[in-house]
Amino acid sequence: MAKRFELSRRQLMTGTAMLMASAPLAKVGAQTITPNPDLSGKSVLITGSSSGFGRLGAEHYARRGAKVFATMRNMPRAEADELRALATADSLDIEVIEIDVLSDDSVAVGVEQALASAGGSIDVLVNNAGIGITGPVEVQDMEATKLAFDTNVFGCQRMIRAVLPSMRAAGSGQIFSISSQIGRLVVPGAGHYPATKFALEALSEQMAYELVPLGIDVTIIQPGGYPTKIWVNRNRYTADLKARTPEQTLAAYGPLAAGMGEEDGTRRSTNAMDVPRAIAEIIAMPAGKRPLRKAVHPTYRPQEAVNEAMAVAQLKFLGNTPYGPWVKAVLD
């Protein structure tokens, strides 16, 4: 337990501590990264691997030496076939497994398959699957509301509960939650996306404290805007919502409703590989010294001010209570 108190996680997040004693460091934008971390011997399970951060991550972690379980729903599908073909062609250790995070049974069966293939324990869970549905809060009917929370929050909880028993038995592990800049800040008209990501942030931070005695780390990744397929999928869900919303309700919100489903991500020029690279860097860090939060964007990370203020408030709130050792191990 003492090792978990040796290094300030806030130092790690601001780049004042060395990430790897023997690894050279390079600057990309304003962020410090460890080039090409070695993930050999690690098993990594990713949800939502058909596109975006999940698909890029599956390939990246495997090229760094990890055994990757790339999960996606609605199989068979072309994306699964393409990933299997790539793994065969490039001799990458990638196993594609069907998991629908909306289904208790699918999660249980898929995780059990991964555990059997991994020898009984998964080292890293990346809770990446997520959706967005835009529009004002009043416009979000219960169908949209339930789908957003079931995917972005309850889906993560299903995966956490399925994977944690093996991590507890091993006495080690790492869980990543893919949040967002608007998991800390709010954008009008963003539907329940901020609400779900705020919930995921709270769930993940609480879990980080609770898992300190068990040797399991939790990191929340907070990406900015990246050109991934989430925008296309979001527009599909949003178009369905807009079509079933009364015109008078839409009219009441003017441009907030008129612009529903119009962002397709193409105007964004950032490199989506920033996210899997940041995750690989953190996986390679020593256990107990990984950051609770990592804001990822080459130039624009406004949530960092909120992260810092909340860490100070949390330490003031619980630092001198019986919870103090756990909270300080994560934040101080």
Protein backbone atom coordinates (compact mmCIF):
# COMPACT_ATOMS: atom_id res chain seq x y z
CA MET A 1 0.00 0.00 0.00
CA ALA A 2 2.85 2.41 0.79
CA LYS A 3 3.93 2.56 -2.85
CA ARG A 4 0.61 4.10 -3.83
CA PHE A 5 1.45 7.20 -1.77
CA GLU A 6 4.91 7.83 -3.18
CA LEU A 7 4.04 9.92 -6.25
CA SER A 8 1.55 12.74 -6.67
CA ARG A 9 -1.00 11.94 -9.34
CA ARG A 10 -1.41 15.65 -9.92
CA GLN A 11 2.31 15.77 -10.74
CA LEU A 12 1.81 13.00 -13.24
CA MET A 13 -1.04 14.86 -14.90
CA THR A 14 0.97 18.07 -15.25
CA GLY A 15 4.06 16.35 -16.56
CA THR A 16 6.38 17.10 -13.65
CA ALA A 17 7.06 13.48 -12.87
CA MET A 18 8.85 10.99 -15.07
CA LEU A 19 6.44 8.47 -16.58
CA MET A 20 9.00 5.78 -17.22
CA ALA A 21 12.46 5.94 -15.72
CA SER A 22 14.19 4.50 -18.77
CA ALA A 23 11.93 5.81 -21.57
CA PRO A 24 12.72 8.92 -23.67
CA LEU A 25 10.04 11.59 -23.64
CA ALA A 26 8.69 13.58 -26.57
CA LYS A 27 6.33 16.54 -26.81
CA VAL A 28 3.22 16.42 -28.99
CA GLY A 29 1.40 19.73 -28.83
CA ALA A 30 1.34 20.59 -25.14
CA GLN A 31 1.29 16.97 -23.99
CA THR A 32 4.12 14.68 -22.92
CA ILE A 33 4.02 11.13 -24.25
CA THR A 34 6.15 8.00 -24.06
CA PRO A 35 6.79 6.82 -27.62
CA ASN A 36 5.98 3.20 -28.43
CA PRO A 37 5.41 1.78 -24.93
CA ASP A 38 5.91 -1.96 -24.64
CA LEU A 39 2.63 -3.69 -23.77
CA SER A 40 3.93 -7.24 -24.12
CA GLY A 41 2.21 -9.61 -21.72
CA LYS A 42 -0.82 -7.36 -21.24
CA SER A 43 -4.35 -8.48 -22.08
CA VAL A 44 -6.67 -5.65 -23.11
CA LEU A 45 -10.46 -5.85 -23.57
CA ILE A 46 -12.09 -2.97 -25.45
CA THR A 47 -15.77 -2.27 -25.99
CA GLY A 48 -17.04 -0.51 -29.10
CA SER A 49 -14.18 -1.67 -31.32
CA SER A 50 -15.94 -1.42 -34.68
CA SER A 51 -14.79 2.18 -35.23
CA GLY A 52 -13.23 5.26 -33.65
CA PHE A 53 -11.04 5.09 -30.55
CA GLY A 54 -11.95 1.45 -30.00
CA ARG A 55 -10.91 0.29 -33.47
CA LEU A 56 -7.74 2.39 -33.49
CA GLY A 57 -6.89 1.24 -29.99
CA ALA A 58 -7.32 -2.45 -30.79
CA GLU A 59 -4.72 -2.23 -33.52
CA HIS A 60 -2.39 0.10 -31.60
CA TYR A 61 -2.24 -1.98 -28.41
CA ALA A 62 -1.70 -5.16 -30.42
CA ARG A 63 1.16 -3.55 -32.36
CA ARG A 64 2.68 -2.65 -28.99
CA GLY A 65 2.60 -6.34 -28.04
CA ALA A 66 -0.69 -6.71 -26.13
CA LYS A 67 -3.21 -9.52 -26.50
CA VAL A 68 -6.34 -7.63 -27.52
CA PHE A 69 -9.99 -8.60 -27.21
CA ALA A 70 -11.80 -6.27 -29.60
CA THR A 71 -15.51 -6.41 -28.85
CA MET A 72 -18.44 -5.10 -30.84
CA ARG A 73 -22.15 -5.77 -31.20
CA ASN A 74 -24.32 -6.94 -34.10
CA MET A 75 -21.93 -9.57 -35.39
CA PRO A 76 -21.28 -10.85 -37.96
CA ARG A 77 -20.32 -7.53 -39.52
CA ALA A 78 -17.78 -6.21 -42.00
CA GLU A 79 -15.75 -4.36 -39.37
CA ALA A 80 -15.12 -7.61 -37.49
CA ASP A 81 -14.01 -9.38 -40.67
CA GLU A 82 -11.68 -6.52 -41.58
CA LEU A 83 -10.06 -6.52 -38.14
CA ARG A 84 -9.57 -10.29 -38.19
CA ALA A 85 -8.01 -10.04 -41.65
CA LEU A 86 -5.62 -7.34 -40.46
CA ALA A 87 -4.64 -9.41 -37.43
CA THR A 88 -3.87 -12.40 -39.65
CA ALA A 89 -1.95 -10.37 -42.23
CA ASP A 90 0.19 -8.54 -39.67
CA SER A 91 0.45 -11.34 -37.08
CA LEU A 92 -1.33 -9.31 -34.42
CA ASP A 93 -2.83 -10.97 -31.35
CA ILE A 94 -6.40 -9.69 -31.76
CA GLU A 95 -9.48 -11.75 -30.97
CA VAL A 96 -12.80 -10.28 -32.04
CA ILE A 97 -15.66 -11.07 -29.65
CA GLU A 98 -19.31 -10.10 -29.75
CA ILE A 99 -20.42 -7.96 -26.80
CA ASP A 100 -23.46 -5.71 -26.71
CA VAL A 101 -23.05 -3.57 -23.60
CA LEU A 102 -26.84 -3.14 -23.45
CA SER A 103 -27.28 -6.83 -22.65
CA ASP A 104 -26.41 -8.51 -19.35
CA ASP A 105 -26.25 -11.89 -21.08
CA SER A 106 -24.07 -10.67 -23.95
CA VAL A 107 -21.62 -9.06 -21.53
CA ALA A 108 -21.43 -12.18 -19.37
CA VAL A 109 -20.86 -14.52 -22.33
CA GLY A 110 -18.36 -12.24 -24.07
CA VAL A 111 -16.27 -11.54 -20.97
CA GLU A 112 -16.24 -15.23 -20.09
CA GLN A 113 -14.92 -16.01 -23.57
CA ALA A 114 -12.18 -13.40 -23.20
CA LEU A 115 -11.22 -14.65 -19.73
CA ALA A 116 -10.95 -18.22 -20.98
CA SER A 117 -8.70 -17.12 -23.85
CA ALA A 118 -6.59 -14.89 -21.57
CA GLY A 119 -5.98 -17.60 -18.99
CA GLY A 120 -8.46 -16.35 -16.42
CA SER A 121 -7.59 -12.68 -16.01
CA ILE A 122 -7.91 -9.47 -18.04
CA ASP A 123 -5.25 -6.85 -17.29
CA VAL A 124 -6.99 -3.85 -18.86
CA LEU A 125 -10.62 -2.95 -19.55
CA VAL A 126 -11.27 0.00 -21.88
CA ASN A 127 -14.91 1.09 -21.52
CA ASN A 128 -15.11 2.80 -24.88
CA ALA A 129 -18.59 2.02 -26.26
CA GLY A 130 -20.81 5.09 -26.19
CA ILE A 131 -23.38 7.13 -28.08
CA GLY A 132 -24.53 10.72 -28.34
CA ILE A 133 -28.00 12.08 -29.06
CA THR A 134 -28.23 15.86 -29.38
CA GLY A 135 -30.97 18.39 -28.65
CA PRO A 136 -32.38 20.30 -25.66
CA VAL A 137 -33.18 18.36 -22.49
CA GLU A 138 -36.97 18.69 -22.98
CA VAL A 139 -36.67 17.15 -26.42
CA GLN A 140 -35.00 14.02 -25.01
CA ASP A 141 -37.92 11.61 -24.69
CA MET A 142 -37.63 8.59 -22.45
CA GLU A 143 -36.61 6.36 -25.34
CA ALA A 144 -33.59 8.55 -26.04
CA THR A 145 -32.88 9.09 -22.36
CA LYS A 146 -32.88 5.38 -21.53
CA LEU A 147 -30.70 4.52 -24.54
CA ALA A 148 -28.12 7.18 -23.66
CA PHE A 149 -27.79 6.14 -20.03
CA ASP A 150 -28.01 2.43 -20.79
CA THR A 151 -25.11 2.68 -23.22
CA ASN A 152 -22.85 5.30 -21.64
CA VAL A 153 -23.33 4.48 -17.95
CA PHE A 154 -25.08 1.16 -17.37
CA GLY A 155 -23.09 -0.49 -20.16
CA CYS A 156 -19.87 0.49 -18.39
CA GLN A 157 -21.24 -0.81 -15.10
CA ARG A 158 -22.08 -4.15 -16.73
CA MET A 159 -18.53 -4.47 -18.01
CA ILE A 160 -16.99 -3.39 -14.70
CA ARG A 161 -18.95 -5.99 -12.75
CA ALA A 162 -18.05 -8.70 -15.25
CA VAL A 163 -14.31 -7.99 -15.28
CA LEU A 164 -13.56 -6.91 -11.70
CA PRO A 165 -13.80 -10.34 -10.02
CA SER A 166 -10.85 -11.64 -12.05
CA MET A 167 -8.87 -8.45 -11.42
CA ARG A 168 -9.53 -8.74 -7.69
CA ALA A 169 -8.36 -12.34 -7.74
CA ALA A 170 -5.17 -11.29 -9.55
CA GLY A 171 -4.60 -8.32 -7.23
CA SER A 172 -4.00 -6.02 -10.20
CA GLY A 173 -5.68 -4.41 -13.18
CA GLN A 174 -6.54 -1.18 -14.94
CA ILE A 175 -9.93 0.19 -15.96
CA PHE A 176 -10.26 3.05 -18.44
CA SER A 177 -13.47 5.06 -18.79
CA ILE A 178 -13.79 7.08 -21.99
CA SER A 179 -15.46 10.30 -20.91
CA SER A 180 -15.28 13.67 -22.67
CA GLN A 181 -14.50 17.34 -22.18
CA ILE A 182 -18.21 17.62 -21.53
CA GLY A 183 -17.95 15.06 -18.78
CA ARG A 184 -16.84 18.11 -16.74
CA LEU A 185 -18.29 21.04 -18.70
CA VAL A 186 -21.72 21.53 -20.27
CA VAL A 187 -22.74 22.51 -23.80
CA PRO A 188 -26.37 23.58 -24.38
CA GLY A 189 -28.15 21.35 -26.87
CA ALA A 190 -25.86 18.36 -26.27
CA GLY A 191 -28.73 16.18 -25.10
CA HIS A 192 -27.96 13.82 -22.24
CA TYR A 193 -24.38 13.26 -23.37
CA PRO A 194 -22.95 15.55 -20.65
CA ALA A 195 -25.26 14.01 -18.04
CA THR A 196 -24.12 10.48 -18.91
CA LYS A 197 -20.46 11.45 -18.95
CA PHE A 198 -20.77 13.36 -15.65
CA ALA A 199 -22.27 10.18 -14.22
CA LEU A 200 -19.47 8.06 -15.68
CA GLU A 201 -16.88 10.42 -14.20
CA ALA A 202 -18.43 10.11 -10.73
CA LEU A 203 -18.79 6.34 -10.98
CA SER A 204 -15.17 5.99 -12.09
CA GLU A 205 -13.70 8.30 -9.45
CA GLN A 206 -15.60 6.57 -6.66
CA MET A 207 -14.42 3.21 -7.96
CA ALA A 208 -10.82 4.47 -8.11
CA TYR A 209 -10.88 5.15 -4.35
CA GLU A 210 -12.59 1.86 -3.53
CA LEU A 211 -10.07 -0.17 -5.55
CA VAL A 212 -6.94 1.32 -3.97
CA PRO A 213 -6.59 -1.51 -1.39
CA LEU A 214 -7.10 -4.07 -4.16
CA GLY A 215 -4.25 -2.83 -6.37
CA ILE A 216 -6.49 -1.90 -9.31
CA ASP A 217 -6.12 1.47 -11.06
CA VAL A 218 -8.83 3.57 -12.73
CA THR A 219 -8.20 6.27 -15.32
CA ILE A 220 -10.77 8.57 -16.90
CA ILE A 221 -9.88 9.68 -20.44
CA GLN A 222 -11.37 13.06 -21.43
CA PRO A 223 -11.07 13.53 -25.20
CA GLY A 224 -11.88 16.73 -27.00
CA GLY A 225 -13.48 16.67 -30.44
CA TYR A 226 -12.04 14.08 -32.83
CA PRO A 227 -13.20 13.03 -36.32
CA THR A 228 -14.57 9.57 -35.52
CA LYS A 229 -17.73 7.74 -36.55
CA ILE A 230 -19.52 8.78 -33.33
CA TRP A 231 -20.78 11.86 -35.17
CA VAL A 232 -22.38 9.79 -37.93
CA ASN A 233 -24.00 7.46 -35.41
CA ARG A 234 -25.12 10.43 -33.31
CA ASN A 235 -26.83 11.99 -36.29
CA ARG A 236 -28.75 8.78 -36.95
CA TYR A 237 -30.05 8.59 -33.37
CA THR A 238 -30.74 12.32 -33.34
CA ALA A 239 -32.65 12.22 -36.63
CA ASP A 240 -34.94 9.54 -35.21
CA LEU A 241 -35.51 11.62 -32.08
CA LYS A 242 -36.18 14.78 -34.07
CA ALA A 243 -38.70 12.98 -36.27
CA ARG A 244 -40.78 11.90 -33.29
CA THR A 245 -40.65 15.27 -31.48
CA PRO A 246 -43.65 17.63 -31.86
CA GLU A 247 -42.90 20.62 -34.08
CA GLN A 248 -44.03 23.09 -31.42
CA THR A 249 -41.48 21.68 -28.99
CA LEU A 250 -38.67 21.96 -31.53
CA ALA A 251 -39.74 25.49 -32.46
CA ALA A 252 -39.56 26.62 -28.83
CA TYR A 253 -35.79 26.06 -28.80
CA GLY A 254 -34.91 27.73 -32.09
CA PRO A 255 -31.33 27.04 -33.25
CA LEU A 256 -30.65 24.52 -30.45
CA ALA A 257 -33.25 22.22 -32.01
CA ALA A 258 -32.82 23.30 -35.62
CA GLY A 259 -29.18 22.22 -35.59
CA MET A 260 -29.88 18.73 -34.22
CA GLY A 261 -27.91 16.12 -36.15
CA GLU A 262 -25.95 18.48 -38.40
CA GLU A 263 -22.40 17.90 -37.04
CA ASP A 264 -20.67 15.10 -38.93
CA GLY A 265 -17.14 15.52 -37.54
CA THR A 266 -15.56 16.29 -40.91
CA ARG A 267 -14.49 19.82 -39.93
CA ARG A 268 -12.30 18.42 -37.15
CA SER A 269 -8.64 17.97 -38.06
CA THR A 270 -7.33 16.42 -34.84
CA ASN A 271 -5.72 12.96 -34.90
CA ALA A 272 -7.92 10.36 -33.21
CA MET A 273 -4.79 8.29 -32.51
CA ASP A 274 -4.09 10.71 -29.63
CA VAL A 275 -6.49 8.71 -27.47
CA PRO A 276 -5.11 5.16 -27.92
CA ARG A 277 -1.57 6.53 -27.63
CA ALA A 278 -2.43 8.18 -24.32
CA ILE A 279 -4.05 4.98 -23.07
CA ALA A 280 -1.04 2.86 -24.09
CA GLU A 281 1.27 5.29 -22.30
CA ILE A 282 -0.76 4.99 -19.10
CA ILE A 283 -0.97 1.19 -19.29
CA ALA A 284 2.83 1.10 -19.41
CA MET A 285 3.18 3.22 -16.26
CA PRO A 286 3.86 1.56 -12.89
CA ALA A 287 0.79 0.33 -11.05
CA GLY A 288 -0.41 2.76 -8.41
CA LYS A 289 1.18 5.72 -10.19
CA ARG A 290 -1.27 6.16 -13.02
CA PRO A 291 -3.36 9.36 -13.26
CA LEU A 292 -7.02 9.40 -12.32
CA ARG A 293 -7.78 11.70 -15.25
CA LYS A 294 -6.13 12.40 -18.58
CA ALA A 295 -7.39 15.25 -20.77
CA VAL A 296 -6.59 14.47 -24.41
CA HIS A 297 -6.50 17.10 -27.13
CA PRO A 298 -3.49 18.72 -28.82
CA THR A 299 -4.39 22.29 -27.83
CA TYR A 300 -7.76 22.67 -26.11
CA ARG A 301 -8.33 21.11 -22.67
CA PRO A 302 -10.60 23.51 -20.71
CA GLN A 303 -11.70 20.75 -18.32
CA GLU A 304 -8.26 20.64 -16.70
CA ALA A 305 -9.15 23.64 -14.52
CA VAL A 306 -12.23 21.78 -13.27
CA ASN A 307 -10.20 18.61 -12.68
CA GLU A 308 -7.73 20.55 -10.54
CA ALA A 309 -10.37 22.43 -8.55
CA MET A 310 -12.37 19.27 -7.87
CA ALA A 311 -9.27 17.39 -6.72
CA VAL A 312 -8.52 20.17 -4.22
CA ALA A 313 -12.14 20.17 -3.02
CA GLN A 314 -12.23 16.37 -2.71
CA LEU A 315 -9.04 16.34 -0.63
CA LYS A 316 -10.43 19.10 1.60
CA PHE A 317 -13.71 17.19 1.92
CA LEU A 318 -12.30 13.75 2.77
CA GLY A 319 -8.54 14.07 3.17
CA ASN A 320 -8.64 14.08 6.98
CA THR A 321 -11.40 11.49 7.37
CA PRO A 322 -11.11 7.69 7.51
CA TYR A 323 -11.42 7.78 3.71
CA GLY A 324 -8.33 9.99 3.52
CA PRO A 325 -5.73 7.32 2.70
CA TRP A 326 -7.73 6.05 -0.26
CA VAL A 327 -8.49 9.53 -1.58
CA LYS A 328 -4.90 10.71 -1.15
CA ALA A 329 -3.57 7.61 -2.89
CA VAL A 330 -5.53 8.63 -5.96
CA LEU A 331 -5.36 12.44 -5.85
CA ASP A 332 -2.54 13.73 -3.66
